[in-house]
Amino acid sequence: MFERIQKLVASGYIKKFTIEVDFEKLGLPILSYILLHHGLGSVEDTLRRLSSLDCVVSAALTTGCWDIIMLTAHRSMKDLSDFVVNELQRLTGSGNFQILPPVMRLEKQ
């Protein structure tokens, strides 16, 4: 089995191995999806800046009404609020965003 996995990795079919994080056990029970428009610079630069922040679990460029979608994890609603007020607006140059708290989240097994 090990050799087969090594061949799949070497041939590029497997790019990385990953884990599933339990955010609540890490003390980060507040998750939010944030949709936003960027305002300053290139959207790729904005995405890189946002992706480097500790609270950002994932971020992606999108098409349609929004430029970027992010999943963020926070210790409290105050931390989420501080992120939006102090970081998000400063890094994106835009106050045009929407915060969506997930009511149920399923991970692919």
N, C-alpha and C. Protein backbone atom coordinates (compact mmCIF):
# COMPACT_ATOMS: atom_id res chain seq x y z
N MET A 1 0.82 -1.19 0.00
CA MET A 1 0.00 0.00 0.00
C MET A 1 0.88 1.26 0.00
N PHE A 2 1.92 1.26 0.81
CA PHE A 2 2.81 2.42 0.90
C PHE A 2 3.42 2.75 -0.46
N GLU A 3 3.87 1.70 -1.18
CA GLU A 3 4.49 1.92 -2.49
C GLU A 3 3.48 2.51 -3.47
N ARG A 4 2.24 2.05 -3.43
CA ARG A 4 1.21 2.58 -4.33
C ARG A 4 0.97 4.06 -4.05
N ILE A 5 0.89 4.43 -2.78
CA ILE A 5 0.70 5.84 -2.41
C ILE A 5 1.89 6.65 -2.87
N GLN A 6 3.09 6.15 -2.69
CA GLN A 6 4.29 6.86 -3.12
C GLN A 6 4.27 7.10 -4.63
N LYS A 7 3.80 6.11 -5.39
CA LYS A 7 3.71 6.27 -6.85
C LYS A 7 2.70 7.35 -7.20
N LEU A 8 1.57 7.37 -6.50
CA LEU A 8 0.54 8.39 -6.76
C LEU A 8 1.06 9.79 -6.43
N VAL A 9 1.83 9.89 -5.36
CA VAL A 9 2.43 11.18 -5.00
C VAL A 9 3.46 11.59 -6.05
N ALA A 10 4.33 10.66 -6.43
CA ALA A 10 5.38 10.97 -7.40
C ALA A 10 4.81 11.36 -8.76
N SER A 11 3.69 10.78 -9.14
CA SER A 11 3.10 11.09 -10.44
C SER A 11 2.16 12.30 -10.39
N GLY A 12 1.98 12.89 -9.20
CA GLY A 12 1.21 14.12 -9.09
C GLY A 12 -0.27 13.95 -8.83
N TYR A 13 -0.74 12.70 -8.68
CA TYR A 13 -2.16 12.50 -8.40
C TYR A 13 -2.53 12.91 -6.98
N ILE A 14 -1.62 12.73 -6.06
CA ILE A 14 -1.81 13.18 -4.67
C ILE A 14 -0.86 14.35 -4.46
N LYS A 15 -1.43 15.52 -4.13
CA LYS A 15 -0.61 16.71 -3.97
C LYS A 15 -0.21 16.94 -2.52
N LYS A 16 -1.10 16.57 -1.59
CA LYS A 16 -0.76 16.76 -0.18
C LYS A 16 -1.67 15.89 0.68
N PHE A 17 -1.26 15.69 1.90
CA PHE A 17 -2.06 14.99 2.89
C PHE A 17 -2.57 16.03 3.87
N THR A 18 -3.77 15.87 4.36
CA THR A 18 -4.36 16.91 5.19
C THR A 18 -5.10 16.29 6.39
N ILE A 19 -5.55 17.16 7.27
CA ILE A 19 -6.29 16.75 8.46
C ILE A 19 -7.60 17.51 8.52
N GLU A 20 -8.52 17.04 9.33
CA GLU A 20 -9.76 17.77 9.57
C GLU A 20 -9.66 18.38 10.97
N VAL A 21 -9.79 19.68 11.03
CA VAL A 21 -9.61 20.41 12.29
C VAL A 21 -10.95 20.54 13.01
N ASP A 22 -10.95 20.30 14.31
CA ASP A 22 -12.13 20.56 15.15
C ASP A 22 -11.93 21.95 15.75
N PHE A 23 -12.53 22.95 15.12
CA PHE A 23 -12.31 24.34 15.53
C PHE A 23 -12.80 24.61 16.95
N GLU A 24 -13.89 23.98 17.35
CA GLU A 24 -14.39 24.18 18.72
C GLU A 24 -13.37 23.72 19.74
N LYS A 25 -12.75 22.56 19.53
CA LYS A 25 -11.74 22.06 20.47
C LYS A 25 -10.51 22.96 20.50
N LEU A 26 -10.27 23.69 19.41
CA LEU A 26 -9.16 24.64 19.37
C LEU A 26 -9.53 25.98 20.01
N GLY A 27 -10.78 26.09 20.47
CA GLY A 27 -11.22 27.34 21.07
C GLY A 27 -11.66 28.37 20.05
N LEU A 28 -12.05 27.90 18.86
CA LEU A 28 -12.48 28.79 17.78
C LEU A 28 -13.89 28.38 17.32
N PRO A 29 -14.89 28.57 18.17
CA PRO A 29 -16.24 28.07 17.85
C PRO A 29 -17.02 28.93 16.86
N ILE A 30 -16.56 30.15 16.60
CA ILE A 30 -17.30 31.05 15.70
C ILE A 30 -16.72 30.95 14.29
N LEU A 31 -17.46 30.32 13.40
CA LEU A 31 -17.07 30.24 11.99
C LEU A 31 -17.92 31.20 11.19
N SER A 32 -17.35 31.75 10.14
CA SER A 32 -18.15 32.60 9.25
C SER A 32 -17.59 32.52 7.84
N TYR A 33 -18.52 32.51 6.91
CA TYR A 33 -18.15 32.69 5.51
C TYR A 33 -18.30 34.17 5.22
N ILE A 34 -17.31 34.75 4.60
CA ILE A 34 -17.35 36.17 4.28
C ILE A 34 -17.18 36.34 2.78
N LEU A 35 -18.15 36.99 2.18
CA LEU A 35 -18.12 37.33 0.76
C LEU A 35 -17.71 38.79 0.66
N LEU A 36 -16.78 39.12 -0.23
CA LEU A 36 -16.37 40.52 -0.30
C LEU A 36 -15.93 40.94 -1.69
N HIS A 37 -16.00 42.25 -1.88
CA HIS A 37 -15.42 42.91 -3.04
C HIS A 37 -14.10 43.51 -2.57
N HIS A 38 -13.09 43.43 -3.38
CA HIS A 38 -11.84 44.10 -3.02
C HIS A 38 -11.89 45.51 -3.59
N GLY A 39 -11.11 46.40 -2.98
CA GLY A 39 -11.15 47.78 -3.42
C GLY A 39 -9.82 48.31 -3.88
N LEU A 40 -8.73 47.91 -3.23
CA LEU A 40 -7.40 48.45 -3.53
C LEU A 40 -6.51 47.40 -4.17
N GLY A 41 -5.75 47.78 -5.18
CA GLY A 41 -4.78 46.87 -5.78
C GLY A 41 -5.46 45.73 -6.53
N SER A 42 -4.66 44.70 -6.80
CA SER A 42 -5.20 43.57 -7.54
C SER A 42 -5.94 42.63 -6.60
N VAL A 43 -6.92 41.93 -7.13
CA VAL A 43 -7.69 40.99 -6.32
C VAL A 43 -6.80 39.84 -5.86
N GLU A 44 -5.80 39.47 -6.67
CA GLU A 44 -4.87 38.40 -6.27
C GLU A 44 -4.04 38.81 -5.06
N ASP A 45 -3.58 40.05 -5.04
CA ASP A 45 -2.82 40.55 -3.88
C ASP A 45 -3.69 40.58 -2.64
N THR A 46 -4.92 41.01 -2.80
CA THR A 46 -5.86 41.03 -1.67
C THR A 46 -6.07 39.62 -1.14
N LEU A 47 -6.24 38.66 -2.03
CA LEU A 47 -6.43 37.27 -1.63
C LEU A 47 -5.22 36.75 -0.87
N ARG A 48 -4.02 37.06 -1.34
CA ARG A 48 -2.80 36.62 -0.64
C ARG A 48 -2.70 37.25 0.75
N ARG A 49 -3.01 38.53 0.86
CA ARG A 49 -2.95 39.20 2.17
C ARG A 49 -3.95 38.57 3.13
N LEU A 50 -5.16 38.35 2.67
CA LEU A 50 -6.18 37.76 3.53
C LEU A 50 -5.83 36.33 3.92
N SER A 51 -5.31 35.55 2.98
CA SER A 51 -4.96 34.15 3.25
C SER A 51 -3.86 34.02 4.30
N SER A 52 -3.05 35.05 4.47
CA SER A 52 -1.95 34.99 5.43
C SER A 52 -2.41 35.22 6.88
N LEU A 53 -3.63 35.67 7.08
CA LEU A 53 -4.12 35.96 8.43
C LEU A 53 -4.47 34.67 9.17
N ASP A 54 -4.18 34.64 10.47
CA ASP A 54 -4.41 33.44 11.27
C ASP A 54 -5.86 32.99 11.28
N CYS A 55 -6.80 33.91 11.29
CA CYS A 55 -8.21 33.53 11.41
C CYS A 55 -8.81 33.04 10.10
N VAL A 56 -8.10 33.20 8.99
CA VAL A 56 -8.62 32.77 7.70
C VAL A 56 -8.27 31.30 7.47
N VAL A 57 -9.30 30.46 7.42
CA VAL A 57 -9.12 29.03 7.20
C VAL A 57 -8.87 28.76 5.72
N SER A 58 -9.65 29.41 4.87
CA SER A 58 -9.47 29.29 3.43
C SER A 58 -10.04 30.52 2.75
N ALA A 59 -9.52 30.81 1.57
CA ALA A 59 -10.00 31.95 0.79
C ALA A 59 -9.86 31.60 -0.67
N ALA A 60 -10.82 32.07 -1.48
CA ALA A 60 -10.80 31.75 -2.90
C ALA A 60 -11.36 32.90 -3.72
N LEU A 61 -10.83 33.06 -4.92
CA LEU A 61 -11.41 34.00 -5.88
C LEU A 61 -12.68 33.38 -6.43
N THR A 62 -13.68 34.21 -6.69
CA THR A 62 -14.94 33.71 -7.22
C THR A 62 -15.34 34.53 -8.45
N THR A 63 -16.39 34.08 -9.08
CA THR A 63 -17.00 34.85 -10.15
C THR A 63 -18.40 35.24 -9.69
N GLY A 64 -19.01 36.15 -10.38
CA GLY A 64 -20.36 36.56 -10.01
C GLY A 64 -20.36 37.85 -9.22
N CYS A 65 -21.23 37.93 -8.23
CA CYS A 65 -21.45 39.17 -7.49
C CYS A 65 -20.31 39.54 -6.55
N TRP A 66 -19.52 38.57 -6.12
CA TRP A 66 -18.45 38.80 -5.14
C TRP A 66 -17.12 38.41 -5.75
N ASP A 67 -16.04 39.02 -5.24
CA ASP A 67 -14.69 38.73 -5.73
C ASP A 67 -14.02 37.60 -4.97
N ILE A 68 -14.26 37.56 -3.66
CA ILE A 68 -13.57 36.60 -2.78
C ILE A 68 -14.57 36.01 -1.80
N ILE A 69 -14.39 34.71 -1.51
CA ILE A 69 -15.12 34.07 -0.42
C ILE A 69 -14.08 33.50 0.55
N MET A 70 -14.31 33.69 1.84
CA MET A 70 -13.40 33.20 2.87
C MET A 70 -14.17 32.43 3.92
N LEU A 71 -13.51 31.46 4.52
CA LEU A 71 -14.00 30.83 5.73
C LEU A 71 -13.06 31.28 6.84
N THR A 72 -13.64 31.84 7.91
CA THR A 72 -12.82 32.32 9.03
C THR A 72 -13.26 31.65 10.32
N ALA A 73 -12.35 31.56 11.29
CA ALA A 73 -12.63 30.96 12.59
C ALA A 73 -12.18 31.93 13.68
N HIS A 74 -13.04 32.12 14.71
CA HIS A 74 -12.78 33.12 15.75
C HIS A 74 -13.12 32.57 17.13
N ARG A 75 -12.49 33.16 18.14
CA ARG A 75 -12.74 32.75 19.53
C ARG A 75 -14.09 33.25 20.03
N SER A 76 -14.53 34.38 19.52
CA SER A 76 -15.78 34.98 20.01
C SER A 76 -16.37 35.88 18.93
N MET A 77 -17.60 36.32 19.16
CA MET A 77 -18.21 37.29 18.25
C MET A 77 -17.44 38.60 18.27
N LYS A 78 -16.86 38.95 19.41
CA LYS A 78 -16.05 40.16 19.50
C LYS A 78 -14.82 40.04 18.60
N ASP A 79 -14.18 38.87 18.60
CA ASP A 79 -13.03 38.66 17.71
C ASP A 79 -13.42 38.78 16.25
N LEU A 80 -14.58 38.23 15.88
CA LEU A 80 -15.07 38.36 14.51
C LEU A 80 -15.32 39.83 14.19
N SER A 81 -15.96 40.54 15.11
CA SER A 81 -16.24 41.95 14.91
C SER A 81 -14.95 42.75 14.77
N ASP A 82 -13.96 42.48 15.63
CA ASP A 82 -12.67 43.17 15.54
C ASP A 82 -11.99 42.90 14.19
N PHE A 83 -12.07 41.66 13.73
CA PHE A 83 -11.48 41.29 12.44
C PHE A 83 -12.13 42.11 11.32
N VAL A 84 -13.44 42.19 11.34
CA VAL A 84 -14.16 42.92 10.29
C VAL A 84 -13.83 44.40 10.34
N VAL A 85 -13.88 44.99 11.51
CA VAL A 85 -13.68 46.43 11.65
C VAL A 85 -12.21 46.83 11.47
N ASN A 86 -11.30 46.08 12.08
CA ASN A 86 -9.89 46.49 12.10
C ASN A 86 -9.04 45.93 10.96
N GLU A 87 -9.35 44.74 10.49
CA GLU A 87 -8.50 44.10 9.49
C GLU A 87 -9.13 44.08 8.09
N LEU A 88 -10.34 43.59 8.01
CA LEU A 88 -10.96 43.35 6.71
C LEU A 88 -11.08 44.62 5.88
N GLN A 89 -11.59 45.68 6.48
CA GLN A 89 -11.74 46.93 5.73
C GLN A 89 -10.39 47.52 5.35
N ARG A 90 -9.42 47.41 6.24
CA ARG A 90 -8.08 47.97 5.96
C ARG A 90 -7.39 47.18 4.85
N LEU A 91 -7.46 45.86 4.89
CA LEU A 91 -6.75 45.04 3.90
C LEU A 91 -7.41 45.04 2.53
N THR A 92 -8.71 45.20 2.49
CA THR A 92 -9.40 45.11 1.21
C THR A 92 -9.68 46.47 0.60
N GLY A 93 -9.65 47.52 1.41
CA GLY A 93 -10.00 48.84 0.90
C GLY A 93 -11.47 48.96 0.59
N SER A 94 -12.26 48.07 1.15
CA SER A 94 -13.69 48.04 0.84
C SER A 94 -14.48 47.72 2.08
N GLY A 95 -15.62 48.35 2.20
CA GLY A 95 -16.57 48.00 3.25
C GLY A 95 -17.71 47.18 2.69
N ASN A 96 -17.53 46.71 1.46
CA ASN A 96 -18.59 45.97 0.78
C ASN A 96 -18.37 44.47 0.96
N PHE A 97 -19.00 43.90 1.96
CA PHE A 97 -18.88 42.48 2.23
C PHE A 97 -20.13 41.98 2.92
N GLN A 98 -20.25 40.67 2.96
CA GLN A 98 -21.38 40.04 3.62
C GLN A 98 -20.84 38.90 4.47
N ILE A 99 -21.31 38.82 5.73
CA ILE A 99 -20.88 37.79 6.65
C ILE A 99 -22.00 36.77 6.80
N LEU A 100 -21.67 35.51 6.56
CA LEU A 100 -22.66 34.43 6.62
C LEU A 100 -22.23 33.39 7.65
N PRO A 101 -22.89 33.31 8.79
CA PRO A 101 -22.54 32.27 9.76
C PRO A 101 -23.17 30.94 9.35
N PRO A 102 -22.38 29.87 9.27
CA PRO A 102 -22.98 28.58 8.92
C PRO A 102 -23.81 28.04 10.08
N VAL A 103 -24.99 27.52 9.77
CA VAL A 103 -25.82 26.91 10.81
C VAL A 103 -25.57 25.40 10.88
N MET A 104 -25.04 24.83 9.80
CA MET A 104 -24.62 23.42 9.78
C MET A 104 -23.52 23.31 8.74
N ARG A 105 -22.48 22.58 9.08
CA ARG A 105 -21.35 22.42 8.16
C ARG A 105 -20.98 20.96 8.07
N LEU A 106 -20.91 20.41 6.89
CA LEU A 106 -20.52 19.02 6.68
C LEU A 106 -19.23 18.97 5.88
N GLU A 107 -18.33 18.11 6.29
CA GLU A 107 -17.08 17.89 5.56
C GLU A 107 -17.22 16.59 4.80
N LYS A 108 -16.68 16.56 3.61
CA LYS A 108 -16.67 15.34 2.82
C LYS A 108 -15.79 14.31 3.51
N GLN A 109 -16.28 13.11 3.63
CA GLN A 109 -15.52 12.07 4.34
C GLN A 109 -14.52 11.40 3.45
